[in-house]
Amino acid sequence: MPQILIFFLMNYLSVENVSKRFDERILLDKVSFGIDQGQKAALVGINGSGKSTLLKIIAGLEPPDNGIVTFRNGISMAFLSQNPEFDPNATILEAIFDSDNEMLQTIKEYEYVIFESQHNPALQDRLSSLIEAMDAMQAWDYEAQIQQILSRLGLHDLHQKTKVLSGGQRKRVALARILIDKPDFLIMDEPTNHLDLAVIEWLENYLSSQQMTLLLVTHDRYFLESVTNEIFELEGGNIYRYKGNYSYYLEKKAERDAQQQTEVEKAKNTYKKELEWIRRQPKARGTKAKYRVEAFDDIKEKFPDSELYGASADITNEKDVKRIWKTIDKDLGGIDILINNAALAGDGLTNGTPKEWQYIIDTNVMGYLTFSYESVERMKKQKSGHIINIGSMSADTQEETGTIYVATKAAIRGFSTALRKEINPLGIKLSLIEPGSVISEIHPMTKTVQRNKIKKMEMLEAEDVAMSVLFCLSQPQRCDIVSLKIRPHLQLI
């Protein structure tokens, strides 16, 4: 009979539906994955995506909002933090051998007695007893491995106090402790930080050659390439798995991004058509085309990160404003970019009443202030964001036929200048765009007349303003577009 060998990989770690939120920002959204015995996996993702937080949750140092983390019964786990801390009064020897492992405790005492016996001959009897204990435990090979690890990490004076060590030295002590302890499952957060090249290369070779289970976070791409055989990418609170090293991950991620972009573009086109249809749909036809409404909802559900969220509201109405922000926090998890673009036309002072002016001012000015306030409250927590205020060239031209409108747009210019000074130190950008004449529903001219003016280069398309917005948003963090004025080529002021 043929003999069949069946090999089963043991699951060491299960992460099930783990979620974590900071304030209104969703960092981890029902994240689930597992790691088997012998896997060497890495968590990758942009800064702030939740990598270190997830490691801390797995290590039991931070609780999840929801979800379960389970290790296989009977296995040991060790965690290397970015900035390890020790008892300042402990020696390196005490910090490294801080373990319940009986063999390690024997080796620790052996190393201590060898050092002290040089000055205290009375310890020779104790040294003889420890040598016998080492023989009985067959600990000499282990002791030799420990000496090699300490030597490679440049830890020679084990009787130094940890309080005098630099950040790099503390990192080496922490590495020595977990490598010597030989846990079944090792979690490492930025293991190469503060280490010189020689130590990093040795650590690469050591982790690659050892039969261990590993989960790490590092920005060192060469380290990732050498050590890991599986990549987990955190993106948008979700996790994506790639069964290969870092090069394989880069290749497959490029393919996934390209495929996703294709699907997103298709979804956007379908979404736009369905949105137009739903807005046109008479209420009495609700049952006749139910499938189209369902298709619209399916697209929104399938591509939540690429949809155009729209909501009708009166921005002078407090209840409407609260409803919009509730939707933003729920569906988007916060805000990164605010584009303020509210404009009601206003006549001259002698052609209106204070009551009529009030609504225009509330829309054109208070709307900007209110939405900027709500955005800054969210952006300052993440120390990033960009507010773009759309003003008007009316702040320059100051036409007498639009006194009230001019007042609001001049106010937006002053508001933008002052607000930028206030929020720039919080990591938030602000740009003011002041376009010339733009095709608009509120324009007194007919659409036909406006189209003719566009052909004559005397009026802008809405897309021209959109391109200006894109220009402001595409600058690096170090560069602010403070004020941008765009005019139709032949609108001479």
Protein backbone atom coordinates (compact mmCIF):
# COMPACT_ATOMS: atom_id res chain seq x y z
CA MET A 1 0.00 0.00 0.00
CA PRO A 2 1.22 3.50 -0.75
CA GLN A 3 2.13 5.52 2.30
CA ILE A 4 0.72 9.03 2.46
CA LEU A 5 2.10 11.75 4.67
CA ILE A 6 -0.37 14.50 5.51
CA PHE A 7 1.06 17.69 7.02
CA PHE A 8 -1.22 20.10 8.83
CA LEU A 9 -0.23 23.70 9.56
CA MET A 10 -1.28 24.77 13.03
CA ASN A 11 -3.04 28.09 13.33
CA TYR A 12 -1.17 30.22 15.87
CA LEU A 13 -3.19 33.45 15.68
CA SER A 14 -6.78 34.30 14.79
CA VAL A 15 -7.98 37.90 14.50
CA GLU A 16 -11.75 38.09 14.07
CA ASN A 17 -13.77 41.22 13.25
CA VAL A 18 -11.46 43.58 15.15
CA SER A 19 -12.56 47.22 15.02
CA LYS A 20 -11.00 50.33 16.49
CA ARG A 21 -12.11 53.95 16.32
CA PHE A 22 -10.32 57.09 17.48
CA ASP A 23 -12.83 59.88 18.01
CA GLU A 24 -14.79 59.91 14.73
CA ARG A 25 -12.09 58.18 12.67
CA ILE A 26 -12.47 54.46 11.93
CA LEU A 27 -8.97 52.99 12.09
CA LEU A 28 -9.81 49.27 11.90
CA ASP A 29 -13.09 48.07 10.44
CA LYS A 30 -13.93 44.43 11.25
CA VAL A 31 -10.41 43.24 10.40
CA SER A 32 -10.05 39.44 10.21
CA PHE A 33 -7.04 37.26 9.37
CA GLY A 34 -4.95 34.39 10.72
CA ILE A 35 -1.29 33.40 10.94
CA ASP A 36 -0.11 29.80 10.88
CA GLN A 37 2.92 28.20 12.48
CA GLY A 38 6.11 29.13 10.63
CA GLN A 39 4.68 32.12 8.76
CA LYS A 40 6.76 35.30 8.67
CA ALA A 41 4.28 38.04 7.96
CA ALA A 42 4.44 41.83 7.76
CA LEU A 43 1.82 44.53 8.17
CA VAL A 44 2.24 47.32 5.64
CA GLY A 45 0.28 50.49 4.96
CA ILE A 46 0.60 54.25 4.90
CA ASN A 47 1.45 56.15 8.07
CA GLY A 48 -1.58 56.40 10.31
CA SER A 49 -3.32 53.38 8.77
CA GLY A 50 -3.37 51.55 12.13
CA LYS A 51 -0.44 49.14 11.89
CA SER A 52 1.06 49.80 15.32
CA THR A 53 -2.38 49.95 16.89
CA LEU A 54 -3.26 46.54 15.46
CA LEU A 55 0.02 45.09 16.75
CA LYS A 56 -0.73 46.43 20.24
CA ILE A 57 -4.23 44.95 20.13
CA ILE A 58 -2.83 41.57 19.10
CA ALA A 59 -0.20 41.77 21.85
CA GLY A 60 -2.89 42.56 24.41
CA LEU A 61 -1.53 46.03 25.17
CA GLU A 62 -4.58 47.85 23.85
CA PRO A 63 -8.21 46.72 23.77
CA PRO A 64 -10.24 46.63 20.54
CA ASP A 65 -13.65 48.31 20.40
CA ASN A 66 -15.03 45.06 18.99
CA GLY A 67 -13.68 41.71 17.89
CA ILE A 68 -11.58 38.86 19.25
CA VAL A 69 -7.86 38.02 19.17
CA THR A 70 -7.02 34.37 19.93
CA PHE A 71 -3.66 32.63 20.25
CA ARG A 72 -3.32 28.86 20.13
CA ASN A 73 -3.34 27.33 23.61
CA GLY A 74 0.09 26.62 25.03
CA ILE A 75 2.19 28.88 22.79
CA SER A 76 4.32 31.73 24.08
CA MET A 77 4.27 35.24 22.59
CA ALA A 78 6.71 38.16 22.86
CA PHE A 79 6.30 41.77 21.68
CA LEU A 80 9.09 44.17 20.68
CA SER A 81 7.85 47.76 20.92
CA GLN A 82 9.26 50.71 18.99
CA ASN A 83 10.66 52.29 22.16
CA PRO A 84 11.25 49.59 24.79
CA GLU A 85 11.44 50.56 28.47
CA PHE A 86 13.13 48.85 31.41
CA ASP A 87 13.45 49.26 35.14
CA PRO A 88 16.07 52.05 35.27
CA ASN A 89 17.81 50.39 38.21
CA ALA A 90 18.10 47.00 36.47
CA THR A 91 21.31 45.87 34.83
CA ILE A 92 21.43 44.67 31.22
CA LEU A 93 21.84 41.13 32.55
CA GLU A 94 18.69 41.44 34.68
CA ALA A 95 16.71 43.01 31.82
CA ILE A 96 17.73 40.34 29.30
CA PHE A 97 17.06 37.37 31.55
CA ASP A 98 13.74 38.67 32.90
CA SER A 99 11.98 35.35 32.28
CA ASP A 100 10.30 32.49 34.16
CA ASN A 101 12.25 29.98 32.08
CA GLU A 102 14.21 27.79 34.55
CA MET A 103 17.11 27.23 32.17
CA LEU A 104 17.42 30.96 31.49
CA GLN A 105 17.41 31.71 35.20
CA THR A 106 20.20 29.19 35.72
CA ILE A 107 22.23 30.71 32.87
CA LYS A 108 21.58 34.18 34.30
CA GLU A 109 22.94 33.17 37.71
CA TYR A 110 25.88 31.40 36.06
CA GLU A 111 26.84 34.56 34.15
CA TYR A 112 26.46 36.66 37.31
CA VAL A 113 28.55 34.33 39.50
CA ILE A 114 31.33 34.07 36.88
CA PHE A 115 31.62 37.86 36.91
CA GLU A 116 31.42 38.24 40.69
CA SER A 117 33.76 35.30 41.46
CA GLN A 118 36.63 37.25 39.94
CA HIS A 119 36.46 39.49 42.99
CA ASN A 120 34.95 37.07 45.50
CA PRO A 121 36.64 33.63 45.72
CA ALA A 122 33.96 32.48 48.18
CA LEU A 123 31.61 32.07 45.22
CA GLN A 124 33.65 29.22 43.70
CA ASP A 125 31.52 26.58 45.42
CA ARG A 126 28.36 28.19 44.04
CA LEU A 127 29.94 28.30 40.60
CA SER A 128 30.69 24.56 40.77
CA SER A 129 27.04 23.87 41.66
CA LEU A 130 25.83 25.98 38.73
CA ILE A 131 28.15 24.16 36.32
CA GLU A 132 26.65 20.86 37.49
CA ALA A 133 23.16 22.30 37.01
CA MET A 134 24.07 23.45 33.50
CA ASP A 135 25.36 19.95 32.73
CA ALA A 136 22.15 18.35 34.01
CA MET A 137 19.98 20.71 31.94
CA GLN A 138 22.21 20.31 28.86
CA ALA A 139 22.23 24.10 28.75
CA TRP A 140 25.68 24.68 27.27
CA ASP A 141 24.52 24.84 23.64
CA TYR A 142 21.84 27.30 24.66
CA GLU A 143 24.39 29.36 26.59
CA ALA A 144 26.63 29.45 23.52
CA GLN A 145 23.73 30.68 21.38
CA ILE A 146 23.03 33.39 23.95
CA GLN A 147 26.66 34.51 23.88
CA GLN A 148 26.54 34.69 20.09
CA ILE A 149 23.37 36.81 20.14
CA LEU A 150 24.83 39.17 22.74
CA SER A 151 28.06 39.48 20.78
CA ARG A 152 26.28 40.18 17.48
CA LEU A 153 24.15 42.85 19.17
CA GLY A 154 27.24 44.46 20.69
CA LEU A 155 26.18 43.83 24.30
CA HIS A 156 29.39 43.13 26.23
CA ASP A 157 29.08 44.85 29.58
CA LEU A 158 26.02 43.11 31.02
CA HIS A 159 26.39 44.84 34.37
CA GLN A 160 25.62 48.33 33.06
CA LYS A 161 22.44 49.96 34.35
CA THR A 162 19.74 50.34 31.71
CA LYS A 163 19.12 53.96 32.74
CA VAL A 164 22.41 55.06 31.15
CA LEU A 165 21.70 53.40 27.80
CA SER A 166 20.88 55.26 24.58
CA GLY A 167 17.77 54.52 22.52
CA GLY A 168 19.75 52.26 20.21
CA GLN A 169 21.29 50.36 23.11
CA ARG A 170 17.89 49.84 24.75
CA LYS A 171 16.59 48.49 21.43
CA ARG A 172 19.46 45.96 21.35
CA VAL A 173 18.74 44.86 24.91
CA ALA A 174 15.06 44.36 24.06
CA LEU A 175 16.02 42.39 20.94
CA ALA A 176 18.40 40.22 22.93
CA ARG A 177 15.71 39.48 25.51
CA ILE A 178 13.09 38.28 23.03
CA LEU A 179 15.55 36.37 20.79
CA ILE A 180 17.08 34.60 23.78
CA ASP A 181 13.65 33.76 25.20
CA LYS A 182 12.71 32.03 21.89
CA PRO A 183 8.93 32.63 21.96
CA ASP A 184 6.67 30.59 19.70
CA PHE A 185 5.17 33.78 18.24
CA LEU A 186 7.20 36.97 17.87
CA ILE A 187 5.64 40.41 17.22
CA MET A 188 8.00 43.25 16.27
CA ASP A 189 7.19 46.94 15.79
CA GLU A 190 9.93 48.69 13.76
CA PRO A 191 12.73 46.27 14.81
CA THR A 192 15.44 48.04 12.77
CA ASN A 193 14.93 51.51 14.29
CA HIS A 194 18.10 52.84 16.03
CA LEU A 195 20.21 49.91 14.73
CA ASP A 196 23.34 50.23 12.61
CA LEU A 197 23.71 48.46 9.27
CA ALA A 198 25.81 45.57 10.57
CA VAL A 199 23.26 44.67 13.25
CA ILE A 200 20.36 45.02 10.79
CA GLU A 201 22.03 42.64 8.34
CA TRP A 202 22.72 40.13 11.11
CA LEU A 203 19.09 40.37 12.32
CA GLU A 204 17.86 39.80 8.73
CA ASN A 205 19.91 36.62 8.45
CA TYR A 206 18.95 35.43 11.92
CA LEU A 207 15.18 35.86 11.47
CA SER A 208 15.31 34.39 7.96
CA SER A 209 17.13 31.27 9.09
CA GLN A 210 15.19 30.54 12.30
CA GLN A 211 12.11 28.34 12.40
CA MET A 212 9.82 30.85 14.04
CA THR A 213 6.43 32.51 13.56
CA LEU A 214 6.72 36.25 13.06
CA LEU A 215 4.51 39.31 12.60
CA LEU A 216 6.25 42.65 12.13
CA VAL A 217 5.87 46.26 11.06
CA THR A 218 8.84 48.02 9.47
CA HIS A 219 9.54 50.77 6.94
CA ASP A 220 12.77 49.00 5.92
CA ARG A 221 11.87 47.56 2.51
CA TYR A 222 15.05 45.51 2.20
CA PHE A 223 14.35 43.97 5.59
CA LEU A 224 10.81 43.10 4.47
CA GLU A 225 12.10 41.55 1.27
CA SER A 226 14.64 39.38 3.10
CA VAL A 227 12.61 38.22 6.09
CA THR A 228 8.91 37.91 5.25
CA ASN A 229 6.96 35.42 3.15
CA GLU A 230 3.50 36.98 3.52
CA ILE A 231 2.23 40.56 3.47
CA PHE A 232 -0.92 41.97 5.06
CA GLU A 233 -1.82 45.44 3.81
CA LEU A 234 -3.96 47.77 5.93
CA GLU A 235 -5.88 50.22 3.78
CA GLY A 236 -8.98 52.17 4.66
CA GLY A 237 -9.55 50.13 7.81
CA ASN A 238 -9.57 46.86 5.84
CA ILE A 239 -6.89 44.20 5.36
CA TYR A 240 -5.62 42.59 2.14
CA ARG A 241 -3.48 39.44 2.07
CA TYR A 242 -0.59 38.70 -0.32
CA LYS A 243 1.08 35.28 -0.12
CA GLY A 244 4.63 36.23 -1.04
CA ASN A 245 7.46 38.59 -0.14
CA TYR A 246 7.55 42.37 -0.55
CA SER A 247 8.33 42.27 -4.29
CA TYR A 248 5.36 39.98 -4.86
CA TYR A 249 3.17 42.33 -2.83
CA LEU A 250 4.20 45.36 -4.91
CA GLU A 251 3.44 43.51 -8.14
CA LYS A 252 0.03 42.23 -7.01
CA LYS A 253 -0.95 45.52 -5.38
CA ALA A 254 -0.31 47.33 -8.66
CA GLU A 255 -2.58 44.84 -10.41
CA ARG A 256 -5.27 45.21 -7.73
CA ASP A 257 -5.13 49.01 -7.87
CA ALA A 258 -5.43 48.98 -11.66
CA GLN A 259 -8.36 46.57 -11.55
CA GLN A 260 -10.04 48.56 -8.79
CA GLN A 261 -9.60 51.80 -10.71
CA THR A 262 -11.24 50.24 -13.76
CA GLU A 263 -14.17 49.05 -11.66
CA VAL A 264 -14.40 52.41 -9.92
CA GLU A 265 -14.61 54.27 -13.24
CA LYS A 266 -17.32 51.92 -14.45
CA ALA A 267 -19.17 52.29 -11.17
CA LYS A 268 -18.89 56.08 -11.28
CA ASN A 269 -20.43 56.19 -14.75
CA THR A 270 -23.24 53.86 -13.75
CA TYR A 271 -23.70 55.70 -10.46
CA LYS A 272 -23.96 59.04 -12.27
CA LYS A 273 -26.63 57.71 -14.65
CA GLU A 274 -28.61 56.09 -11.86
CA LEU A 275 -28.34 59.21 -9.69
CA GLU A 276 -29.68 61.36 -12.53
CA TRP A 277 -32.52 58.89 -13.07
CA ILE A 278 -33.46 58.75 -9.39
CA ARG A 279 -33.54 62.51 -9.16
CA ARG A 280 -35.86 62.68 -12.20
CA GLN A 281 -38.10 59.84 -11.03
CA PRO A 282 -41.72 60.82 -10.19
CA LYS A 283 -42.86 59.53 -6.82
CA ALA A 284 -45.73 57.56 -8.42
CA ARG A 285 -43.28 55.37 -10.32
CA GLY A 286 -41.64 53.98 -7.20
CA THR A 287 -42.58 50.34 -7.79
CA LYS A 288 -42.25 50.27 -11.55
CA ALA A 289 -38.44 50.64 -11.57
CA LYS A 290 -37.49 49.30 -8.17
CA TYR A 291 -34.67 47.28 -9.71
CA ARG A 292 -32.91 50.49 -10.75
CA VAL A 293 -33.01 51.85 -7.22
CA GLU A 294 -31.61 48.55 -5.96
CA ALA A 295 -28.87 48.65 -8.60
CA PHE A 296 -28.00 52.17 -7.48
CA ASP A 297 -27.76 51.01 -3.86
CA ASP A 298 -25.59 48.05 -4.89
CA ILE A 299 -23.07 50.37 -6.52
CA LYS A 300 -22.91 52.55 -3.41
CA GLU A 301 -22.36 49.48 -1.24
CA LYS A 302 -19.72 47.96 -3.52
CA PHE A 303 -17.61 51.09 -3.87
CA PRO A 304 -18.00 53.09 -0.67
CA ASP A 305 -14.58 54.72 -1.04
CA SER A 306 -15.14 56.08 -4.52
CA GLU A 307 -18.67 57.37 -4.50
CA LEU A 308 -19.95 60.90 -4.79
CA TYR A 309 -21.92 61.54 -1.63
CA GLY A 310 -24.64 64.11 -2.15
CA ALA A 311 -27.12 65.68 0.23
CA SER A 312 -29.58 68.50 -0.29
CA ALA A 313 -29.67 70.97 2.58
CA ASP A 314 -30.19 74.57 3.52
CA ILE A 315 -26.85 75.52 5.04
CA THR A 316 -28.51 78.30 7.03
CA ASN A 317 -30.67 75.71 8.80
CA GLU A 318 -29.06 74.29 11.95
CA LYS A 319 -30.90 70.96 11.71
CA ASP A 320 -29.83 70.49 8.09
CA VAL A 321 -26.21 71.25 8.97
CA LYS A 322 -26.23 68.73 11.83
CA ARG A 323 -27.75 66.11 9.50
CA ILE A 324 -25.01 66.63 6.91
CA TRP A 325 -22.20 66.26 9.48
CA LYS A 326 -23.83 63.22 10.98
CA THR A 327 -23.81 61.63 7.50
CA ILE A 328 -20.18 62.65 6.93
CA ASP A 329 -19.04 61.11 10.21
CA LYS A 330 -21.05 57.94 9.70
CA ASP A 331 -20.33 57.26 6.02
CA LEU A 332 -16.88 58.81 5.57
CA GLY A 333 -15.44 58.53 9.07
CA GLY A 334 -14.45 62.20 9.10
CA ILE A 335 -13.24 64.77 6.60
CA ASP A 336 -9.92 65.52 4.90
CA ILE A 337 -10.94 68.21 2.41
CA LEU A 338 -13.60 70.92 2.61
CA ILE A 339 -14.50 72.98 -0.46
CA ASN A 340 -16.69 75.93 0.54
CA ASN A 341 -18.61 77.14 -2.50
CA ALA A 342 -21.86 78.84 -1.58
CA ALA A 343 -23.09 81.87 -3.50
CA LEU A 344 -26.44 83.60 -3.63
CA ALA A 345 -26.66 86.67 -5.85
CA GLY A 346 -27.27 90.00 -4.14
CA ASP A 347 -28.35 93.32 -5.62
CA GLY A 348 -27.41 96.84 -4.64
CA LEU A 349 -28.18 98.18 -1.19
CA THR A 350 -31.12 100.26 -2.45
CA ASN A 351 -32.78 97.31 -4.22
CA GLY A 352 -33.38 95.04 -1.23
CA THR A 353 -34.36 94.86 2.41
CA PRO A 354 -32.40 93.83 5.52
CA LYS A 355 -34.48 90.65 5.71
CA GLU A 356 -33.45 89.70 2.17
CA TRP A 357 -29.82 90.54 2.86
CA GLN A 358 -29.78 88.37 5.98
CA TYR A 359 -30.46 85.14 4.08
CA ILE A 360 -27.79 85.99 1.51
CA ILE A 361 -25.26 86.77 4.26
CA ASP A 362 -26.16 83.62 6.21
CA THR A 363 -25.60 81.53 3.07
CA ASN A 364 -22.56 83.26 1.58
CA VAL A 365 -20.72 83.98 4.85
CA MET A 366 -22.15 82.06 7.82
CA GLY A 367 -22.27 78.88 5.71
CA TYR A 368 -18.51 79.16 5.18
CA LEU A 369 -17.87 79.87 8.86
CA THR A 370 -20.07 77.03 10.10
CA PHE A 371 -18.66 74.36 7.78
CA SER A 372 -15.10 75.56 8.36
CA TYR A 373 -15.63 75.30 12.12
CA GLU A 374 -16.99 71.73 11.92
CA SER A 375 -14.16 70.71 9.57
CA VAL A 376 -11.40 72.19 11.72
CA GLU A 377 -12.79 70.43 14.81
CA ARG A 378 -12.28 67.11 13.00
CA MET A 379 -9.09 67.95 11.08
CA LYS A 380 -7.14 69.20 14.10
CA LYS A 381 -7.45 65.80 15.76
CA GLN A 382 -5.69 64.17 12.79
CA LYS A 383 -3.34 67.16 12.36
CA SER A 384 -4.04 67.36 8.64
CA GLY A 385 -6.62 68.63 6.20
CA HIS A 386 -7.27 71.24 3.53
CA ILE A 387 -10.00 73.89 3.35
CA ILE A 388 -10.60 75.61 0.02
CA ASN A 389 -12.82 78.69 0.01
CA ILE A 390 -14.27 79.73 -3.33
CA GLY A 391 -14.58 83.48 -3.35
CA SER A 392 -15.13 85.85 -6.28
CA MET A 393 -13.39 88.53 -8.28
CA SER A 394 -16.23 90.76 -7.03
CA ALA A 395 -14.03 91.42 -4.01
CA ASP A 396 -11.77 93.29 -6.48
CA THR A 397 -14.21 94.72 -9.03
CA GLN A 398 -16.73 95.88 -6.42
CA GLU A 399 -19.55 96.45 -8.92
CA GLU A 400 -22.19 98.85 -7.66
CA THR A 401 -24.98 96.60 -8.97
CA GLY A 402 -24.08 93.84 -6.49
CA THR A 403 -23.23 95.63 -3.27
CA ILE A 404 -24.55 92.90 -0.96
CA TYR A 405 -22.84 90.11 -2.93
CA VAL A 406 -19.58 92.12 -2.94
CA ALA A 407 -19.83 92.50 0.85
CA THR A 408 -20.07 88.73 1.33
CA LYS A 409 -17.18 87.91 -1.00
CA ALA A 410 -14.96 90.58 0.53
CA ALA A 411 -15.79 89.05 3.91
CA ILE A 412 -14.72 85.60 2.65
CA ARG A 413 -11.36 87.06 1.55
CA GLY A 414 -10.68 88.53 4.98
CA PHE A 415 -11.99 85.42 6.74
CA SER A 416 -9.71 83.18 4.65
CA THR A 417 -6.60 85.26 5.40
CA ALA A 418 -7.23 85.24 9.14
CA LEU A 419 -8.29 81.59 9.33
CA ARG A 420 -5.17 80.44 7.50
CA LYS A 421 -3.00 82.06 10.18
CA GLU A 422 -5.08 80.36 12.87
CA ILE A 423 -5.11 76.79 11.50
CA ASN A 424 -1.76 76.43 9.71
CA PRO A 425 -0.01 75.60 13.02
CA LEU A 426 -2.56 72.77 13.44
CA GLY A 427 -1.35 71.11 10.22
CA ILE A 428 -4.38 72.32 8.22
CA LYS A 429 -4.01 74.12 4.88
CA LEU A 430 -6.28 76.86 3.55
CA SER A 431 -6.52 78.17 0.00
CA LEU A 432 -8.68 80.95 -1.41
CA ILE A 433 -9.73 80.74 -5.08
CA GLU A 434 -11.34 83.85 -6.59
CA PRO A 435 -12.69 83.14 -10.08
CA GLY A 436 -13.99 85.63 -12.57
CA SER A 437 -17.30 85.19 -14.34
CA VAL A 438 -18.40 81.52 -14.25
CA ILE A 439 -21.39 79.88 -15.90
CA SER A 440 -24.00 79.52 -13.18
CA GLU A 441 -27.65 78.94 -12.44
CA ILE A 442 -27.78 82.14 -10.39
CA HIS A 443 -26.46 84.28 -13.24
CA PRO A 444 -29.04 86.74 -14.66
CA MET A 445 -27.97 85.81 -18.19
CA THR A 446 -29.65 82.88 -19.97
CA LYS A 447 -27.70 79.67 -20.48
CA THR A 448 -27.50 80.39 -24.23
CA VAL A 449 -25.93 83.78 -23.61
CA GLN A 450 -23.51 82.28 -21.09
CA ARG A 451 -22.49 79.55 -23.56
CA ASN A 452 -21.76 82.18 -26.19
CA LYS A 453 -19.60 84.08 -23.69
CA ILE A 454 -17.64 80.88 -22.97
CA LYS A 455 -16.99 80.48 -26.71
CA LYS A 456 -15.75 84.08 -26.80
CA MET A 457 -13.50 83.38 -23.78
CA GLU A 458 -15.41 85.91 -21.70
CA MET A 459 -16.72 83.37 -19.17
CA LEU A 460 -15.33 80.30 -17.40
CA GLU A 461 -16.67 76.76 -17.31
CA ALA A 462 -17.27 75.20 -13.88
CA GLU A 463 -14.53 72.72 -14.81
CA ASP A 464 -12.01 75.58 -14.85
CA VAL A 465 -12.67 76.23 -11.18
CA ALA A 466 -12.46 72.48 -10.49
CA MET A 467 -8.99 72.37 -12.10
CA SER A 468 -7.90 75.23 -9.85
CA VAL A 469 -9.11 73.26 -6.84
CA LEU A 470 -7.15 70.22 -8.04
CA PHE A 471 -4.03 72.38 -8.46
CA CYS A 472 -4.28 73.54 -4.83
CA LEU A 473 -4.85 70.01 -3.54
CA SER A 474 -1.98 68.48 -5.52
CA GLN A 475 0.78 70.51 -3.86
CA PRO A 476 3.15 68.87 -1.34
CA GLN A 477 2.58 69.52 2.36
CA ARG A 478 5.39 72.08 2.44
CA CYS A 479 3.69 74.23 -0.23
CA ASP A 480 0.52 76.28 0.26
CA ILE A 481 -1.44 77.94 -2.54
CA VAL A 482 -2.63 80.84 -0.40
CA SER A 483 -4.59 82.81 -2.98
CA LEU A 484 -5.41 81.97 -6.57
CA LYS A 485 -7.21 84.26 -9.02
CA ILE A 486 -8.53 82.86 -12.30
CA ARG A 487 -10.17 84.95 -15.03
CA PRO A 488 -11.67 84.30 -18.46
CA HIS A 489 -9.05 85.21 -21.03
CA LEU A 490 -11.05 88.15 -22.45
CA GLN A 491 -12.87 89.30 -19.32
CA LEU A 492 -10.94 92.50 -18.95
CA ILE A 493 -11.21 94.14 -15.53
